[in-house]
Every structure is written in structure tokens, then in C-alpha cells.
Amino acid sequence: MNEPVLARLNTLMALREEVESIGSAFPWEPAADWLDQDTHLLLVMDVPGLSTEQLELSEEGGELTIAGERGPAHTGQQLSRERPEGRFVRTLAFPDAVVPGSAQASLSSGVLSVRFEKRRKTWLQLERGEE
């Protein structure tokens, strides 16, 4: 008499496991903010659980690309999952022109800070009315 109930319960448990595994397939995209600091631009990005060795930064053509990977923080049987893990890649356009290669990065308490020197307009550009 209990077999139909147990069979339905097993089906529901299998369905739950499938749904939870789908959630882990979505890409992780850490939140990022740009700040204007007069002569510099500052990018602040939340990357909790990552070390500097797990992050890659590259700048090219007016864009900054940040990539990283976060694996599980602990071992054991997973009962539920809310914390994202896996590889992420973010490409962000600079909101203002920067001096190429001027990036200074630091990581503290799970927050990546990358500071760029803004490109200043030359006298020749100002005389021609270039913005």
C-alpha cells in the first residue's frame, strides 16, 4: 500500500535534485560599480571567496575584462545551494577615457578595487574643440 506513495515521493525528490542542478548551470556575474574620483576612475566589484590568484584582469580597446572562478568553499553532502560558484567573465566599458596600463588593483574582504588614471585632454585637443 505504501509503494505508490514512496514511488511518488522518490519522483518528487529526483525532480527537486534536477531543479537544483539547473540553478548551478547559470553563470555567476559579480556586481560592479564605477566611481569617478576626479583624476581617476575606480571599479569596485564584489568577489567574495576569491583570492588574487583566482582573478584575471585585462584591458583592451576601452574595455576591462575580469574573469575568475570560485569553487565550493567546504566539503560535505550538499543539502541546499544558494551561493553561486563556477567561472565568470565580465567585460565592462570604461565610462571615461583612461591611460592604458595605469590600473592598480587590490583585493580586500572580498572586494576587488581597480583604480585607473583618467586620460587628460591635451592643449591641442582643447584648441580644436574636441571633447
C-alpha atoms as a PDB file:
ATOM      1  CA  MET A   1       0.000   0.000   0.000  1.00  0.00           C
ATOM      2  CA  ASN A   2       2.887   2.384   0.696  1.00  0.00           C
ATOM      3  CA  GLU A   3       4.661   1.649  -2.599  1.00  0.00           C
ATOM      4  CA  PRO A   4       2.691   4.182  -4.690  1.00  0.00           C
ATOM      5  CA  VAL A   5       3.331   6.896  -2.102  1.00  0.00           C
ATOM      6  CA  LEU A   6       7.034   6.051  -1.904  1.00  0.00           C
ATOM      7  CA  ALA A   7       7.317   5.955  -5.692  1.00  0.00           C
ATOM      8  CA  ARG A   8       5.751   9.432  -5.960  1.00  0.00           C
ATOM      9  CA  LEU A   9       7.997  10.715  -3.195  1.00  0.00           C
ATOM     10  CA  ASN A  10      11.078   9.348  -4.980  1.00  0.00           C
ATOM     11  CA  THR A  11       9.911  11.006  -8.212  1.00  0.00           C
ATOM     12  CA  LEU A  12       9.484  14.331  -6.406  1.00  0.00           C
ATOM     13  CA  MET A  13      12.939  14.057  -4.815  1.00  0.00           C
ATOM     14  CA  ALA A  14      14.532  13.311  -8.204  1.00  0.00           C
ATOM     15  CA  LEU A  15      12.715  16.309  -9.715  1.00  0.00           C
ATOM     16  CA  ARG A  16      13.949  18.537  -6.871  1.00  0.00           C
ATOM     17  CA  GLU A  17      17.553  17.441  -7.488  1.00  0.00           C
ATOM     18  CA  GLU A  18      17.206  18.235 -11.200  1.00  0.00           C
ATOM     19  CA  VAL A  19      15.823  21.708 -10.488  1.00  0.00           C
ATOM     20  CA  GLU A  20      18.637  22.452  -8.038  1.00  0.00           C
ATOM     21  CA  SER A  21      21.265  21.323 -10.547  1.00  0.00           C
ATOM     22  CA  ILE A  22      19.765  23.648 -13.187  1.00  0.00           C
ATOM     23  CA  GLY A  23      20.335  26.614 -10.867  1.00  0.00           C
ATOM     24  CA  SER A  24      24.064  25.879 -10.734  1.00  0.00           C
ATOM     25  CA  ALA A  25      24.314  25.984 -14.538  1.00  0.00           C
ATOM     26  CA  PHE A  26      23.612  29.706 -14.722  1.00  0.00           C
ATOM     27  CA  PRO A  27      26.669  31.951 -14.978  1.00  0.00           C
ATOM     28  CA  TRP A  28      27.853  33.870 -11.955  1.00  0.00           C
ATOM     29  CA  GLU A  29      28.067  37.624 -12.512  1.00  0.00           C
ATOM     30  CA  PRO A  30      29.542  39.622  -9.613  1.00  0.00           C
ATOM     31  CA  ALA A  31      28.123  43.098  -9.035  1.00  0.00           C
ATOM     32  CA  ALA A  32      30.340  46.045 -10.037  1.00  0.00           C
ATOM     33  CA  ASP A  33      30.271  49.836  -9.604  1.00  0.00           C
ATOM     34  CA  TRP A  34      32.256  52.585 -11.357  1.00  0.00           C
ATOM     35  CA  LEU A  35      33.200  55.627  -9.253  1.00  0.00           C
ATOM     36  CA  ASP A  36      34.536  58.946 -10.546  1.00  0.00           C
ATOM     37  CA  GLN A  37      37.372  60.184  -8.323  1.00  0.00           C
ATOM     38  CA  ASP A  38      38.237  63.375 -10.208  1.00  0.00           C
ATOM     39  CA  THR A  39      41.566  62.371 -11.812  1.00  0.00           C
ATOM     40  CA  HIS A  40      40.892  58.625 -11.522  1.00  0.00           C
ATOM     41  CA  LEU A  41      38.191  56.037 -12.189  1.00  0.00           C
ATOM     42  CA  LEU A  42      37.609  53.323  -9.602  1.00  0.00           C
ATOM     43  CA  LEU A  43      35.953  49.997 -10.302  1.00  0.00           C
ATOM     44  CA  VAL A  44      34.630  48.173  -7.243  1.00  0.00           C
ATOM     45  CA  MET A  45      33.489  44.567  -7.686  1.00  0.00           C
ATOM     46  CA  ASP A  46      32.191  42.035  -5.152  1.00  0.00           C
ATOM     47  CA  VAL A  47      34.149  38.766  -5.461  1.00  0.00           C
ATOM     48  CA  PRO A  48      33.714  37.038  -2.094  1.00  0.00           C
ATOM     49  CA  GLY A  49      35.716  33.892  -1.577  1.00  0.00           C
ATOM     50  CA  LEU A  50      38.263  34.631  -4.317  1.00  0.00           C
ATOM     51  CA  SER A  51      41.983  35.286  -3.981  1.00  0.00           C
ATOM     52  CA  THR A  52      44.132  37.347  -6.321  1.00  0.00           C
ATOM     53  CA  GLU A  53      45.396  34.106  -7.899  1.00  0.00           C
ATOM     54  CA  GLN A  54      41.823  33.259  -8.956  1.00  0.00           C
ATOM     55  CA  LEU A  55      41.273  36.550 -10.815  1.00  0.00           C
ATOM     56  CA  GLU A  56      42.390  37.661 -14.291  1.00  0.00           C
ATOM     57  CA  LEU A  57      42.219  41.277 -15.467  1.00  0.00           C
ATOM     58  CA  SER A  58      42.876  42.606 -18.961  1.00  0.00           C
ATOM     59  CA  GLU A  59      42.169  45.918 -20.642  1.00  0.00           C
ATOM     60  CA  GLU A  60      41.781  46.400 -24.355  1.00  0.00           C
ATOM     61  CA  GLY A  61      40.092  48.912 -26.614  1.00  0.00           C
ATOM     62  CA  GLY A  62      38.235  50.915 -23.984  1.00  0.00           C
ATOM     63  CA  GLU A  63      37.064  47.850 -22.058  1.00  0.00           C
ATOM     64  CA  LEU A  64      38.126  45.986 -18.951  1.00  0.00           C
ATOM     65  CA  THR A  65      37.619  42.223 -18.739  1.00  0.00           C
ATOM     66  CA  ILE A  66      37.633  40.498 -15.364  1.00  0.00           C
ATOM     67  CA  ALA A  67      37.438  36.717 -15.094  1.00  0.00           C
ATOM     68  CA  GLY A  68      37.594  34.367 -12.161  1.00  0.00           C
ATOM     69  CA  GLU A  69      36.454  31.079 -10.788  1.00  0.00           C
ATOM     70  CA  ARG A  70      35.039  30.108  -7.421  1.00  0.00           C
ATOM     71  CA  GLY A  71      34.609  26.522  -6.332  1.00  0.00           C
ATOM     72  CA  PRO A  72      32.832  25.107  -3.313  1.00  0.00           C
ATOM     73  CA  ALA A  73      34.127  26.568  -0.057  1.00  0.00           C
ATOM     74  CA  HIS A  74      33.536  23.433   2.010  1.00  0.00           C
ATOM     75  CA  THR A  75      33.204  19.717   1.531  1.00  0.00           C
ATOM     76  CA  GLY A  76      30.287  17.548   2.562  1.00  0.00           C
ATOM     77  CA  GLN A  77      26.902  16.478   1.321  1.00  0.00           C
ATOM     78  CA  GLN A  78      25.159  19.461  -0.210  1.00  0.00           C
ATOM     79  CA  LEU A  79      21.652  19.853   1.201  1.00  0.00           C
ATOM     80  CA  SER A  80      20.789  23.166  -0.421  1.00  0.00           C
ATOM     81  CA  ARG A  81      22.555  25.669  -2.639  1.00  0.00           C
ATOM     82  CA  GLU A  82      22.256  29.442  -2.825  1.00  0.00           C
ATOM     83  CA  ARG A  83      25.863  30.632  -3.184  1.00  0.00           C
ATOM     84  CA  PRO A  84      26.937  30.828  -6.835  1.00  0.00           C
ATOM     85  CA  GLU A  85      30.131  29.140  -7.933  1.00  0.00           C
ATOM     86  CA  GLY A  86      31.927  28.421 -11.145  1.00  0.00           C
ATOM     87  CA  ARG A  87      33.590  30.634 -13.730  1.00  0.00           C
ATOM     88  CA  PHE A  88      32.530  34.188 -14.538  1.00  0.00           C
ATOM     89  CA  VAL A  89      33.678  36.705 -17.133  1.00  0.00           C
ATOM     90  CA  ARG A  90      32.637  40.360 -17.091  1.00  0.00           C
ATOM     91  CA  THR A  91      33.579  42.869 -19.766  1.00  0.00           C
ATOM     92  CA  LEU A  92      32.912  46.454 -18.734  1.00  0.00           C
ATOM     93  CA  ALA A  93      33.295  49.559 -20.882  1.00  0.00           C
ATOM     94  CA  PHE A  94      35.250  52.388 -19.296  1.00  0.00           C
ATOM     95  CA  PRO A  95      32.835  55.276 -18.581  1.00  0.00           C
ATOM     96  CA  ASP A  96      35.644  57.734 -19.409  1.00  0.00           C
ATOM     97  CA  ALA A  97      38.965  57.524 -21.264  1.00  0.00           C
ATOM     98  CA  VAL A  98      41.809  56.128 -19.143  1.00  0.00           C
ATOM     99  CA  VAL A  99      45.572  55.964 -19.504  1.00  0.00           C
ATOM    100  CA  PRO A 100      46.332  52.470 -20.856  1.00  0.00           C
ATOM    101  CA  GLY A 101      48.210  50.287 -18.393  1.00  0.00           C
ATOM    102  CA  SER A 102      47.550  52.577 -15.423  1.00  0.00           C
ATOM    103  CA  ALA A 103      45.490  50.010 -13.472  1.00  0.00           C
ATOM    104  CA  GLN A 104      46.268  49.491  -9.795  1.00  0.00           C
ATOM    105  CA  ALA A 105      44.294  46.589  -8.287  1.00  0.00           C
ATOM    106  CA  SER A 106      43.757  45.464  -4.704  1.00  0.00           C
ATOM    107  CA  LEU A 107      41.581  42.836  -3.057  1.00  0.00           C
ATOM    108  CA  SER A 108      40.316  43.227   0.482  1.00  0.00           C
ATOM    109  CA  SER A 109      37.483  41.445   2.321  1.00  0.00           C
ATOM    110  CA  GLY A 110      36.065  40.044  -0.915  1.00  0.00           C
ATOM    111  CA  VAL A 111      36.002  43.403  -2.707  1.00  0.00           C
ATOM    112  CA  LEU A 112      38.166  43.971  -5.777  1.00  0.00           C
ATOM    113  CA  SER A 113      39.174  47.609  -6.338  1.00  0.00           C
ATOM    114  CA  VAL A 114      40.811  48.628  -9.602  1.00  0.00           C
ATOM    115  CA  ARG A 115      41.940  52.252  -9.986  1.00  0.00           C
ATOM    116  CA  PHE A 116      42.703  53.832 -13.383  1.00  0.00           C
ATOM    117  CA  GLU A 117      44.215  57.197 -14.180  1.00  0.00           C
ATOM    118  CA  LYS A 118      41.903  59.253 -16.402  1.00  0.00           C
ATOM    119  CA  ARG A 119      43.287  60.450 -19.709  1.00  0.00           C
ATOM    120  CA  ARG A 120      43.581  64.236 -19.674  1.00  0.00           C
ATOM    121  CA  LYS A 121      42.823  66.284 -22.748  1.00  0.00           C
ATOM    122  CA  THR A 122      45.847  67.868 -24.416  1.00  0.00           C
ATOM    123  CA  TRP A 123      46.041  71.558 -25.324  1.00  0.00           C
ATOM    124  CA  LEU A 124      45.826  70.624 -29.000  1.00  0.00           C
ATOM    125  CA  GLN A 125      42.567  68.732 -28.451  1.00  0.00           C
ATOM    126  CA  LEU A 126      41.120  71.638 -26.451  1.00  0.00           C
ATOM    127  CA  GLU A 127      42.119  74.169 -29.154  1.00  0.00           C
ATOM    128  CA  ARG A 128      40.377  72.077 -31.830  1.00  0.00           C
ATOM    129  CA  GLY A 129      37.277  71.822 -29.647  1.00  0.00           C
ATOM    130  CA  GLU A 130      37.480  68.034 -29.283  1.00  0.00           C
ATOM    131  CA  GLU A 131      35.610  66.591 -26.348  1.00  0.00           C
END
